[in-house]
């Protein structure tokens, strides 16, 4: 699973309550976000999240933040 952010997010979502009504109530009161760091080995890499993962985050009002860290060429 390391290096597979889609599987990691799905695993995280599987461990939390799935009731969308509860999530919408929380999102109306709080800022909810999931922060990910992507540490690249090379200068041109990609990452994908499946439509199902994006939908699950969106239904719960979870904002996804991704910081990209390029390799240090020194």
PDB file of N, CA and C in Angstrom:
ATOM      1  N   UNK A   1       0.803  -1.199   0.000  1.00  0.00           N
ATOM      2  CA  UNK A   1       0.000   0.000   0.000  1.00  0.00           C
ATOM      3  C   UNK A   1       0.853   1.273   0.000  1.00  0.00           C
ATOM      4  N   UNK A   2       2.074   1.276   0.503  1.00  0.00           N
ATOM      5  CA  UNK A   2       2.876   2.497   0.362  1.00  0.00           C
ATOM      6  C   UNK A   2       2.995   2.867  -1.111  1.00  0.00           C
ATOM      7  N   UNK A   3       2.895   4.149  -1.391  1.00  0.00           N
ATOM      8  CA  UNK A   3       2.943   4.603  -2.767  1.00  0.00           C
ATOM      9  C   UNK A   3       1.622   4.486  -3.496  1.00  0.00           C
ATOM     10  N   UNK A   4       0.570   4.069  -2.804  1.00  0.00           N
ATOM     11  CA  UNK A   4      -0.759   3.941  -3.407  1.00  0.00           C
ATOM     12  C   UNK A   4      -1.738   4.801  -2.617  1.00  0.00           C
ATOM     13  N   UNK A   5      -1.755   6.106  -2.876  1.00  0.00           N
ATOM     14  CA  UNK A   5      -2.605   6.994  -2.085  1.00  0.00           C
ATOM     15  C   UNK A   5      -4.088   6.666  -2.189  1.00  0.00           C
ATOM     16  N   UNK A   6      -4.538   6.156  -3.324  1.00  0.00           N
ATOM     17  CA  UNK A   6      -5.951   5.806  -3.452  1.00  0.00           C
ATOM     18  C   UNK A   6      -6.323   4.720  -2.443  1.00  0.00           C
ATOM     19  N   UNK A   7      -5.508   3.671  -2.373  1.00  0.00           N
ATOM     20  CA  UNK A   7      -5.765   2.587  -1.419  1.00  0.00           C
ATOM     21  C   UNK A   7      -5.650   3.084   0.019  1.00  0.00           C
ATOM     22  N   UNK A   8      -4.710   3.985   0.279  1.00  0.00           N
ATOM     23  CA  UNK A   8      -4.546   4.511   1.631  1.00  0.00           C
ATOM     24  C   UNK A   8      -5.764   5.326   2.058  1.00  0.00           C
ATOM     25  N   UNK A   9      -6.279   6.156   1.163  1.00  0.00           N
ATOM     26  CA  UNK A   9      -7.467   6.956   1.493  1.00  0.00           C
ATOM     27  C   UNK A   9      -8.673   6.039   1.662  1.00  0.00           C
ATOM     28  N   UNK A  10      -8.832   5.043   0.786  1.00  0.00           N
ATOM     29  CA  UNK A  10      -9.943   4.097   0.920  1.00  0.00           C
ATOM     30  C   UNK A  10      -9.869   3.351   2.255  1.00  0.00           C
ATOM     31  N   UNK A  11      -8.675   2.955   2.644  1.00  0.00           N
ATOM     32  CA  UNK A  11      -8.507   2.256   3.932  1.00  0.00           C
ATOM     33  C   UNK A  11      -8.891   3.169   5.095  1.00  0.00           C
ATOM     34  N   UNK A  12      -8.488   4.419   5.032  1.00  0.00           N
ATOM     35  CA  UNK A  12      -8.844   5.386   6.070  1.00  0.00           C
ATOM     36  C   UNK A  12     -10.359   5.581   6.132  1.00  0.00           C
ATOM     37  N   UNK A  13     -10.984   5.761   4.975  1.00  0.00           N
ATOM     38  CA  UNK A  13     -12.435   5.963   4.942  1.00  0.00           C
ATOM     39  C   UNK A  13     -13.191   4.736   5.449  1.00  0.00           C
ATOM     40  N   UNK A  14     -12.648   3.553   5.223  1.00  0.00           N
ATOM     41  CA  UNK A  14     -13.295   2.322   5.682  1.00  0.00           C
ATOM     42  C   UNK A  14     -13.308   2.222   7.205  1.00  0.00           C
ATOM     43  N   UNK A  15     -12.418   2.938   7.862  1.00  0.00           N
ATOM     44  CA  UNK A  15     -12.313   2.862   9.324  1.00  0.00           C
ATOM     45  C   UNK A  15     -13.186   3.878  10.051  1.00  0.00           C
ATOM     46  N   UNK A  16     -13.808   4.791   9.310  1.00  0.00           N
ATOM     47  CA  UNK A  16     -14.613   5.827   9.945  1.00  0.00           C
ATOM     48  C   UNK A  16     -16.081   5.648   9.587  1.00  0.00           C
ATOM     49  N   UNK A  17     -16.910   6.243  10.386  1.00  0.00           N
ATOM     50  CA  UNK A  17     -18.353   6.137  10.209  1.00  0.00           C
ATOM     51  C   UNK A  17     -18.760   6.600   8.813  1.00  0.00           C
ATOM     52  N   UNK A  18     -19.637   5.834   8.172  1.00  0.00           N
ATOM     53  CA  UNK A  18     -20.013   6.117   6.787  1.00  0.00           C
ATOM     54  C   UNK A  18     -21.284   6.952   6.663  1.00  0.00           C
ATOM     55  N   UNK A  19     -21.956   7.261   7.760  1.00  0.00           N
ATOM     56  CA  UNK A  19     -23.239   7.973   7.707  1.00  0.00           C
ATOM     57  C   UNK A  19     -23.043   9.380   7.138  1.00  0.00           C
ATOM     58  N   UNK A  20     -23.508   9.576   5.910  1.00  0.00           N
ATOM     59  CA  UNK A  20     -23.321  10.846   5.209  1.00  0.00           C
ATOM     60  C   UNK A  20     -24.015  11.995   5.935  1.00  0.00           C
ATOM     61  N   UNK A  21     -25.149  11.738   6.559  1.00  0.00           N
ATOM     62  CA  UNK A  21     -25.870  12.789   7.293  1.00  0.00           C
ATOM     63  C   UNK A  21     -24.999  13.327   8.427  1.00  0.00           C
ATOM     64  N   UNK A  22     -24.330  12.442   9.131  1.00  0.00           N
ATOM     65  CA  UNK A  22     -23.434  12.857  10.213  1.00  0.00           C
ATOM     66  C   UNK A  22     -22.279  13.677   9.645  1.00  0.00           C
ATOM     67  N   UNK A  23     -21.694  13.226   8.553  1.00  0.00           N
ATOM     68  CA  UNK A  23     -20.586  13.955   7.938  1.00  0.00           C
ATOM     69  C   UNK A  23     -21.011  15.335   7.463  1.00  0.00           C
ATOM     70  N   UNK A  24     -22.192  15.431   6.877  1.00  0.00           N
ATOM     71  CA  UNK A  24     -22.671  16.745   6.420  1.00  0.00           C
ATOM     72  C   UNK A  24     -22.897  17.685   7.598  1.00  0.00           C
ATOM     73  N   UNK A  25     -23.391  17.153   8.699  1.00  0.00           N
ATOM     74  CA  UNK A  25     -23.568  17.978   9.897  1.00  0.00           C
ATOM     75  C   UNK A  25     -22.210  18.455  10.417  1.00  0.00           C
ATOM     76  N   UNK A  26     -21.239  17.562  10.433  1.00  0.00           N
ATOM     77  CA  UNK A  26     -19.893  17.949  10.869  1.00  0.00           C
ATOM     78  C   UNK A  26     -19.292  18.997   9.933  1.00  0.00           C
ATOM     79  N   UNK A  27     -19.455  18.785   8.621  1.00  0.00           N
ATOM     80  CA  UNK A  27     -18.885  19.711   7.636  1.00  0.00           C
ATOM     81  C   UNK A  27     -19.540  21.087   7.699  1.00  0.00           C
ATOM     82  N   UNK A  28     -20.779  21.141   8.176  1.00  0.00           N
ATOM     83  CA  UNK A  28     -21.438  22.445   8.301  1.00  0.00           C
ATOM     84  C   UNK A  28     -20.907  23.232   9.502  1.00  0.00           C
ATOM     85  N   UNK A  29     -20.272  22.537  10.436  1.00  0.00           N
ATOM     86  CA  UNK A  29     -19.760  23.188  11.642  1.00  0.00           C
ATOM     87  C   UNK A  29     -18.241  23.320  11.664  1.00  0.00           C
ATOM     88  N   UNK A  30     -17.564  22.449  10.939  1.00  0.00           N
ATOM     89  CA  UNK A  30     -16.103  22.396  10.997  1.00  0.00           C
ATOM     90  C   UNK A  30     -15.510  22.320   9.593  1.00  0.00           C
ATOM     91  N   UNK A  31     -14.249  22.734   9.471  1.00  0.00           N
ATOM     92  CA  UNK A  31     -13.490  22.509   8.242  1.00  0.00           C
ATOM     93  C   UNK A  31     -12.847  21.135   8.349  1.00  0.00           C
ATOM     94  N   UNK A  32     -13.176  20.260   7.422  1.00  0.00           N
ATOM     95  CA  UNK A  32     -12.636  18.903   7.441  1.00  0.00           C
ATOM     96  C   UNK A  32     -11.695  18.761   6.255  1.00  0.00           C
ATOM     97  N   UNK A  33     -10.470  18.337   6.528  1.00  0.00           N
ATOM     98  CA  UNK A  33      -9.558  18.139   5.412  1.00  0.00           C
ATOM     99  C   UNK A  33      -8.663  16.932   5.644  1.00  0.00           C
ATOM    100  N   UNK A  34      -8.234  16.364   4.564  1.00  0.00           N
ATOM    101  CA  UNK A  34      -7.283  15.262   4.558  1.00  0.00           C
ATOM    102  C   UNK A  34      -6.047  15.776   3.843  1.00  0.00           C
ATOM    103  N   UNK A  35      -4.934  15.801   4.542  1.00  0.00           N
ATOM    104  CA  UNK A  35      -3.692  16.326   3.980  1.00  0.00           C
ATOM    105  C   UNK A  35      -2.758  15.180   3.644  1.00  0.00           C
ATOM    106  N   UNK A  36      -2.211  15.205   2.446  1.00  0.00           N
ATOM    107  CA  UNK A  36      -1.273  14.175   1.999  1.00  0.00           C
ATOM    108  C   UNK A  36       0.007  14.827   1.495  1.00  0.00           C
ATOM    109  N   UNK A  37       1.125  14.238   1.798  1.00  0.00           N
ATOM    110  CA  UNK A  37       2.406  14.660   1.243  1.00  0.00           C
ATOM    111  C   UNK A  37       2.853  13.641   0.210  1.00  0.00           C
ATOM    112  N   UNK A  38       3.254  14.115  -0.960  1.00  0.00           N
ATOM    113  CA  UNK A  38       3.721  13.231  -2.029  1.00  0.00           C
ATOM    114  C   UNK A  38       5.200  13.524  -2.251  1.00  0.00           C
ATOM    115  N   UNK A  39       6.052  12.588  -1.859  1.00  0.00           N
ATOM    116  CA  UNK A  39       7.498  12.745  -1.974  1.00  0.00           C
ATOM    117  C   UNK A  39       7.960  12.015  -3.231  1.00  0.00           C
ATOM    118  N   UNK A  40       8.314  12.782  -4.242  1.00  0.00           N
ATOM    119  CA  UNK A  40       8.653  12.210  -5.540  1.00  0.00           C
ATOM    120  C   UNK A  40      10.108  11.759  -5.575  1.00  0.00           C
ATOM    121  N   UNK A  41      10.342  10.633  -6.236  1.00  0.00           N
ATOM    122  CA  UNK A  41      11.700  10.147  -6.435  1.00  0.00           C
ATOM    123  C   UNK A  41      12.324  10.791  -7.664  1.00  0.00           C
ATOM    124  N   UNK A  42      11.487  11.169  -8.615  1.00  0.00           N
ATOM    125  CA  UNK A  42      11.949  11.808  -9.845  1.00  0.00           C
ATOM    126  C   UNK A  42      11.202  13.102 -10.074  1.00  0.00           C
ATOM    127  N   UNK A  43      11.549  13.773 -11.150  1.00  0.00           N
ATOM    128  CA  UNK A  43      10.951  15.077 -11.416  1.00  0.00           C
ATOM    129  C   UNK A  43       9.588  15.031 -12.072  1.00  0.00           C
ATOM    130  N   UNK A  44       9.179  13.891 -12.601  1.00  0.00           N
ATOM    131  CA  UNK A  44       7.898  13.820 -13.288  1.00  0.00           C
ATOM    132  C   UNK A  44       7.183  12.542 -12.867  1.00  0.00           C
ATOM    133  N   UNK A  45       6.381  12.654 -11.852  1.00  0.00           N
ATOM    134  CA  UNK A  45       5.614  11.519 -11.355  1.00  0.00           C
ATOM    135  C   UNK A  45       4.155  11.919 -11.294  1.00  0.00           C
ATOM    136  N   UNK A  46       3.306  10.931 -11.238  1.00  0.00           N
ATOM    137  CA  UNK A  46       1.883  11.211 -11.148  1.00  0.00           C
ATOM    138  C   UNK A  46       1.244  10.435 -10.014  1.00  0.00           C
ATOM    139  N   UNK A  47       0.075  10.885  -9.642  1.00  0.00           N
ATOM    140  CA  UNK A  47      -0.710  10.225  -8.612  1.00  0.00           C
ATOM    141  C   UNK A  47      -2.170  10.331  -9.026  1.00  0.00           C
ATOM    142  N   UNK A  48      -2.928   9.290  -8.765  1.00  0.00           N
ATOM    143  CA  UNK A  48      -4.341   9.290  -9.121  1.00  0.00           C
ATOM    144  C   UNK A  48      -5.182   8.849  -7.941  1.00  0.00           C
ATOM    145  N   UNK A  49      -6.368   9.424  -7.861  1.00  0.00           N
ATOM    146  CA  UNK A  49      -7.401   8.936  -6.958  1.00  0.00           C
ATOM    147  C   UNK A  49      -8.576   8.523  -7.829  1.00  0.00           C
ATOM    148  N   UNK A  50      -9.183   7.406  -7.495  1.00  0.00           N
ATOM    149  CA  UNK A  50     -10.295   6.893  -8.287  1.00  0.00           C
ATOM    150  C   UNK A  50     -11.534   7.767  -8.108  1.00  0.00           C
ATOM    151  N   UNK A  51     -12.453   7.713  -9.073  1.00  0.00           N
ATOM    152  CA  UNK A  51     -13.709   8.446  -8.914  1.00  0.00           C
ATOM    153  C   UNK A  51     -14.449   8.054  -7.630  1.00  0.00           C
ATOM    154  N   UNK A  52     -14.384   6.784  -7.249  1.00  0.00           N
ATOM    155  CA  UNK A  52     -15.066   6.339  -6.026  1.00  0.00           C
ATOM    156  C   UNK A  52     -14.466   6.997  -4.786  1.00  0.00           C
ATOM    157  N   UNK A  53     -13.156   7.129  -4.754  1.00  0.00           N
ATOM    158  CA  UNK A  53     -12.491   7.772  -3.619  1.00  0.00           C
ATOM    159  C   UNK A  53     -12.827   9.251  -3.567  1.00  0.00           C
ATOM    160  N   UNK A  54     -12.762   9.920  -4.720  1.00  0.00           N
ATOM    161  CA  UNK A  54     -13.101  11.343  -4.771  1.00  0.00           C
ATOM    162  C   UNK A  54     -14.553  11.577  -4.362  1.00  0.00           C
ATOM    163  N   UNK A  55     -15.452  10.698  -4.803  1.00  0.00           N
ATOM    164  CA  UNK A  55     -16.861  10.820  -4.434  1.00  0.00           C
ATOM    165  C   UNK A  55     -17.043  10.640  -2.928  1.00  0.00           C
ATOM    166  N   UNK A  56     -16.367   9.641  -2.357  1.00  0.00           N
ATOM    167  CA  UNK A  56     -16.482   9.393  -0.914  1.00  0.00           C
ATOM    168  C   UNK A  56     -16.006  10.595  -0.112  1.00  0.00           C
ATOM    169  N   UNK A  57     -14.911  11.216  -0.538  1.00  0.00           N
ATOM    170  CA  UNK A  57     -14.433  12.422   0.148  1.00  0.00           C
ATOM    171  C   UNK A  57     -15.435  13.556  -0.018  1.00  0.00           C
ATOM    172  N   UNK A  58     -15.908  13.758  -1.237  1.00  0.00           N
ATOM    173  CA  UNK A  58     -16.845  14.842  -1.515  1.00  0.00           C
ATOM    174  C   UNK A  58     -18.160  14.698  -0.773  1.00  0.00           C
ATOM    175  N   UNK A  59     -18.690  13.486  -0.712  1.00  0.00           N
ATOM    176  CA  UNK A  59     -19.952  13.261   0.001  1.00  0.00           C
ATOM    177  C   UNK A  59     -19.835  13.623   1.478  1.00  0.00           C
ATOM    178  N   UNK A  60     -18.658  13.464   2.017  1.00  0.00           N
ATOM    179  CA  UNK A  60     -18.433  13.747   3.434  1.00  0.00           C
ATOM    180  C   UNK A  60     -17.966  15.181   3.675  1.00  0.00           C
ATOM    181  N   UNK A  61     -17.798  15.932   2.612  1.00  0.00           N
ATOM    182  CA  UNK A  61     -17.338  17.311   2.757  1.00  0.00           C
ATOM    183  C   UNK A  61     -15.882  17.403   3.170  1.00  0.00           C
ATOM    184  N   UNK A  62     -15.094  16.382   2.804  1.00  0.00           N
ATOM    185  CA  UNK A  62     -13.681  16.348   3.171  1.00  0.00           C
ATOM    186  C   UNK A  62     -12.858  16.964   2.045  1.00  0.00           C
ATOM    187  N   UNK A  63     -12.158  18.030   2.361  1.00  0.00           N
ATOM    188  CA  UNK A  63     -11.262  18.693   1.411  1.00  0.00           C
ATOM    189  C   UNK A  63      -9.958  17.903   1.361  1.00  0.00           C
ATOM    190  N   UNK A  64      -9.434  17.699   0.150  1.00  0.00           N
ATOM    191  CA  UNK A  64      -8.175  16.982  -0.036  1.00  0.00           C
ATOM    192  C   UNK A  64      -7.069  17.975  -0.350  1.00  0.00           C
ATOM    193  N   UNK A  65      -6.025  17.966   0.463  1.00  0.00           N
ATOM    194  CA  UNK A  65      -4.851  18.800   0.219  1.00  0.00           C
ATOM    195  C   UNK A  65      -3.658  17.913  -0.074  1.00  0.00           C
ATOM    196  N   UNK A  66      -2.914  18.264  -1.109  1.00  0.00           N
ATOM    197  CA  UNK A  66      -1.732  17.485  -1.476  1.00  0.00           C
ATOM    198  C   UNK A  66      -0.554  18.434  -1.636  1.00  0.00           C
ATOM    199  N   UNK A  67       0.513  18.182  -0.893  1.00  0.00           N
ATOM    200  CA  UNK A  67       1.769  18.905  -1.078  1.00  0.00           C
ATOM    201  C   UNK A  67       2.713  17.997  -1.850  1.00  0.00           C
ATOM    202  N   UNK A  68       3.319  18.547  -2.886  1.00  0.00           N
ATOM    203  CA  UNK A  68       4.264  17.797  -3.703  1.00  0.00           C
ATOM    204  C   UNK A  68       5.682  18.196  -3.324  1.00  0.00           C
ATOM    205  N   UNK A  69       6.520  17.200  -3.109  1.00  0.00           N
ATOM    206  CA  UNK A  69       7.908  17.436  -2.741  1.00  0.00           C
ATOM    207  C   UNK A  69       8.803  16.818  -3.804  1.00  0.00           C
ATOM    208  N   UNK A  70       9.459  17.664  -4.578  1.00  0.00           N
ATOM    209  CA  UNK A  70      10.353  17.200  -5.632  1.00  0.00           C
ATOM    210  C   UNK A  70      11.669  16.741  -5.025  1.00  0.00           C
ATOM    211  N   UNK A  71      12.374  15.856  -5.741  1.00  0.00           N
ATOM    212  CA  UNK A  71      13.673  15.413  -5.226  1.00  0.00           C
ATOM    213  C   UNK A  71      14.663  16.566  -5.192  1.00  0.00           C
ATOM    214  N   UNK A  72      15.564  16.492  -4.253  1.00  0.00           N
ATOM    215  CA  UNK A  72      16.612  17.505  -4.128  1.00  0.00           C
ATOM    216  C   UNK A  72      17.749  17.114  -5.064  1.00  0.00           C
ATOM    217  N   UNK A  73      18.018  17.935  -6.052  1.00  0.00           N
ATOM    218  CA  UNK A  73      19.037  17.621  -7.057  1.00  0.00           C
ATOM    219  C   UNK A  73      20.438  18.050  -6.657  1.00  0.00           C
ATOM    220  N   UNK A  74      20.642  18.430  -5.430  1.00  0.00           N
ATOM    221  CA  UNK A  74      21.977  18.875  -4.982  1.00  0.00           C
ATOM    222  C   UNK A  74      22.953  17.741  -4.904  1.00  0.00           C
TER     223      UNK A  74
END
